[in-house]
């Protein structure tokens, strides 16, 4: 480098080289942090503004949606949670218009996933195996936390553990679940 028509001392060149290496290191660290943020963003359940936003983040074959809803349940869901990692999962909760959850549909690529927060059966009266369009399922009827009648139906479909809980009679739950299967 020239200073006043002469070459700069060697120590100044060394300082510029160290500065350049430091800047390259900072750029590399920022790039790694940006990539890590993208990975971390997909880990764990996140709330989404709509079903469409959540479905766009998940593989297409990991999203099953009912074609039929009883009159007491309305689309769109009032709560949508989803995750990509450590395994795909989707939770849709529907309320009754007064803020009370009346239907929860969860699907996950893991049998360890449990989305009972929204609508848990607190007292199971009858539980037993059920055939849902040729698939082995478990049907439970009982009461929810408010002691209102509730039903739960769970089965596996295309590598997904599907679980549906509703403050409804089992027949309505069976119709809804059947509409999710091809």
Protein backbone atom coordinates (compact mmCIF):
# COMPACT_ATOMS: atom_id res chain seq x y z
CA UNK A 1 0.00 0.00 0.00
CA UNK A 2 1.35 3.42 -0.82
CA UNK A 3 1.49 6.26 1.64
CA UNK A 4 2.84 9.60 0.42
CA UNK A 5 4.43 7.94 -2.56
CA UNK A 6 6.14 5.15 -0.62
CA UNK A 7 5.11 1.66 0.38
CA UNK A 8 3.51 1.25 3.82
CA UNK A 9 5.44 -0.61 6.44
CA UNK A 10 5.03 -4.33 6.74
CA UNK A 11 3.16 -4.07 10.06
CA UNK A 12 0.41 -2.01 8.42
CA UNK A 13 -0.02 -4.69 5.73
CA UNK A 14 -0.20 -7.32 8.45
CA UNK A 15 -2.89 -5.27 10.25
CA UNK A 16 -4.94 -4.99 7.05
CA UNK A 17 -4.65 -8.75 6.48
CA UNK A 18 -5.84 -9.47 10.02
CA UNK A 19 -8.73 -7.01 9.58
CA UNK A 20 -9.70 -8.75 6.31
CA UNK A 21 -9.63 -12.16 7.96
CA UNK A 22 -11.75 -10.88 10.86
CA UNK A 23 -14.33 -9.47 8.46
CA UNK A 24 -14.44 -12.77 6.55
CA UNK A 25 -14.98 -14.58 9.88
CA UNK A 26 -17.83 -12.24 10.83
CA UNK A 27 -19.51 -12.79 7.45
CA UNK A 28 -19.13 -16.57 7.86
CA UNK A 29 -20.61 -16.49 11.39
CA UNK A 30 -23.55 -14.38 10.24
CA UNK A 31 -24.21 -16.81 7.38
CA UNK A 32 -24.14 -19.76 9.78
CA UNK A 33 -26.45 -17.97 12.22
CA UNK A 34 -28.93 -17.25 9.43
CA UNK A 35 -28.93 -20.91 8.36
CA UNK A 36 -29.32 -22.07 11.96
CA UNK A 37 -32.29 -19.74 12.46
CA UNK A 38 -34.06 -21.45 9.54
CA UNK A 39 -33.49 -24.87 11.09
CA UNK A 40 -34.53 -23.83 14.61
CA UNK A 41 -37.66 -22.15 13.26
CA UNK A 42 -39.04 -25.52 12.12
CA UNK A 43 -38.38 -27.29 15.45
CA UNK A 44 -41.29 -27.62 17.87
CA UNK A 45 -44.93 -26.63 17.61
CA UNK A 46 -45.58 -23.16 16.26
CA UNK A 47 -48.86 -21.31 16.04
CA UNK A 48 -50.00 -20.36 12.54
CA UNK A 49 -52.51 -17.73 11.46
CA UNK A 50 -54.34 -20.17 9.19
CA UNK A 51 -54.51 -23.79 8.14
CA UNK A 52 -53.15 -22.83 4.72
CA UNK A 53 -50.03 -21.25 6.25
CA UNK A 54 -49.33 -24.39 8.31
CA UNK A 55 -50.03 -26.80 5.44
CA UNK A 56 -47.62 -24.89 3.19
CA UNK A 57 -44.79 -25.60 5.68
CA UNK A 58 -45.48 -29.35 5.91
CA UNK A 59 -45.00 -32.17 3.42
CA UNK A 60 -48.19 -32.65 1.40
CA UNK A 61 -48.66 -36.28 2.48
CA UNK A 62 -48.64 -35.30 6.18
CA UNK A 63 -51.85 -33.26 6.06
CA UNK A 64 -55.29 -34.91 6.11
CA UNK A 65 -58.39 -32.74 6.24
CA UNK A 66 -62.00 -33.86 6.72
CA UNK A 67 -64.42 -33.36 3.83
CA UNK A 68 -67.35 -33.58 6.23
CA UNK A 69 -68.05 -31.50 9.32
CA UNK A 70 -71.11 -31.88 11.53
CA UNK A 71 -73.21 -28.71 11.63
CA UNK A 72 -71.93 -27.86 15.10
CA UNK A 73 -68.31 -27.58 13.83
CA UNK A 74 -67.28 -24.87 11.41
CA UNK A 75 -64.25 -24.35 9.21
CA UNK A 76 -61.72 -22.71 9.63
CA UNK A 77 -60.03 -23.93 12.82
CA UNK A 78 -59.70 -21.44 15.66
CA UNK A 79 -56.20 -22.71 16.47
CA UNK A 80 -53.58 -24.21 14.16
CA UNK A 81 -50.27 -25.57 15.45
CA UNK A 82 -47.65 -27.33 13.33
CA UNK A 83 -44.05 -28.50 13.34
CA UNK A 84 -41.62 -30.00 10.84
CA UNK A 85 -38.99 -31.30 13.24
CA UNK A 86 -38.25 -33.57 15.04
CA UNK A 87 -41.25 -35.09 13.19
CA UNK A 88 -44.15 -33.54 11.32
CA UNK A 89 -47.22 -32.73 13.36
CA UNK A 90 -50.39 -30.71 12.86
CA UNK A 91 -53.05 -29.77 15.41
CA UNK A 92 -56.30 -28.06 14.50
CA UNK A 93 -58.73 -26.95 17.19
CA UNK A 94 -62.26 -25.74 16.54
CA UNK A 95 -64.35 -23.78 19.00
CA UNK A 96 -68.07 -23.29 19.45
CA UNK A 97 -68.02 -19.54 18.79
CA UNK A 98 -67.89 -18.77 22.51
CA UNK A 99 -64.25 -19.80 22.90
CA UNK A 100 -64.92 -23.35 24.13
CA UNK A 101 -62.94 -26.01 22.23
CA UNK A 102 -65.32 -28.62 20.80
CA UNK A 103 -63.10 -30.46 18.28
CA UNK A 104 -59.37 -31.23 18.13
CA UNK A 105 -57.77 -33.01 15.18
CA UNK A 106 -54.12 -33.96 15.56
CA UNK A 107 -51.88 -35.84 13.17
CA UNK A 108 -48.22 -36.62 13.67
CA UNK A 109 -45.52 -38.83 12.23
CA UNK A 110 -44.87 -40.15 15.75
CA UNK A 111 -46.98 -42.17 18.16
CA UNK A 112 -45.37 -40.24 21.06
CA UNK A 113 -47.16 -37.04 20.08
CA UNK A 114 -50.15 -36.19 22.28
CA UNK A 115 -52.28 -33.08 21.84
CA UNK A 116 -54.70 -33.47 24.74
CA UNK A 117 -54.52 -29.88 25.99
CA UNK A 118 -57.53 -28.65 24.05
CA UNK A 119 -60.06 -31.38 24.74
CA UNK A 120 -59.13 -34.28 27.00
CA UNK A 121 -61.36 -37.20 27.91
CA UNK A 122 -61.33 -37.15 31.69
CA UNK A 123 -63.66 -40.10 32.19
CA UNK A 124 -63.69 -42.89 29.61
CA UNK A 125 -66.89 -44.92 29.83
CA UNK A 126 -66.45 -47.21 26.82
CA UNK A 127 -63.30 -47.96 24.84
CA UNK A 128 -62.77 -50.56 22.20
CA UNK A 129 -61.44 -51.47 18.79
CA UNK A 130 -63.27 -50.11 15.77
CA UNK A 131 -62.94 -50.67 12.01
CA UNK A 132 -62.79 -47.36 10.17
CA UNK A 133 -63.00 -48.03 6.42
CA UNK A 134 -60.95 -51.19 6.89
CA UNK A 135 -58.40 -49.63 9.24
CA UNK A 136 -57.89 -50.64 12.85
CA UNK A 137 -58.92 -47.78 15.12
CA UNK A 138 -59.64 -47.14 18.77
CA UNK A 139 -62.98 -45.55 19.67
CA UNK A 140 -63.55 -44.11 23.13
CA UNK A 141 -66.60 -42.39 24.58
CA UNK A 142 -66.88 -40.63 27.88
CA UNK A 143 -66.82 -37.17 29.35
CA UNK A 144 -64.63 -34.10 28.89
CA UNK A 145 -63.34 -31.87 31.65
CA UNK A 146 -66.69 -30.12 31.88
CA UNK A 147 -68.36 -33.55 32.07
CA UNK A 148 -69.93 -32.97 28.66
CA UNK A 149 -70.18 -36.06 26.44
CA UNK A 150 -67.02 -36.58 24.40
CA UNK A 151 -65.68 -39.08 21.91
CA UNK A 152 -62.22 -39.92 20.67
CA UNK A 153 -61.16 -41.86 17.58
CA UNK A 154 -57.55 -42.67 16.75
CA UNK A 155 -55.87 -44.68 13.98
CA UNK A 156 -52.78 -44.74 11.76
CA UNK A 157 -52.87 -43.55 8.16
CA UNK A 158 -49.91 -43.26 5.75
CA UNK A 159 -47.40 -43.24 8.62
CA UNK A 160 -49.37 -40.66 10.60
CA UNK A 161 -50.96 -41.17 14.00
CA UNK A 162 -54.37 -39.50 13.69
CA UNK A 163 -56.33 -38.53 16.80
CA UNK A 164 -59.72 -36.81 16.79
CA UNK A 165 -61.50 -35.68 19.93
CA UNK A 166 -64.89 -34.02 19.91
CA UNK A 167 -67.61 -32.89 22.23
CA UNK A 168 -70.04 -34.93 20.14
CA UNK A 169 -71.65 -38.32 19.78
CA UNK A 170 -69.43 -41.10 18.37
CA UNK A 171 -71.47 -41.30 15.14
CA UNK A 172 -70.55 -37.69 14.24
CA UNK A 173 -66.89 -38.39 14.97
CA UNK A 174 -66.96 -41.54 12.82
CA UNK A 175 -68.46 -39.62 9.87
CA UNK A 176 -65.88 -36.85 10.22
CA UNK A 177 -62.97 -39.34 10.48
CA UNK A 178 -64.27 -41.40 7.56
CA UNK A 179 -64.20 -38.30 5.36
CA UNK A 180 -60.45 -37.98 5.96
CA UNK A 181 -59.73 -41.38 4.41
CA UNK A 182 -59.54 -41.86 0.64
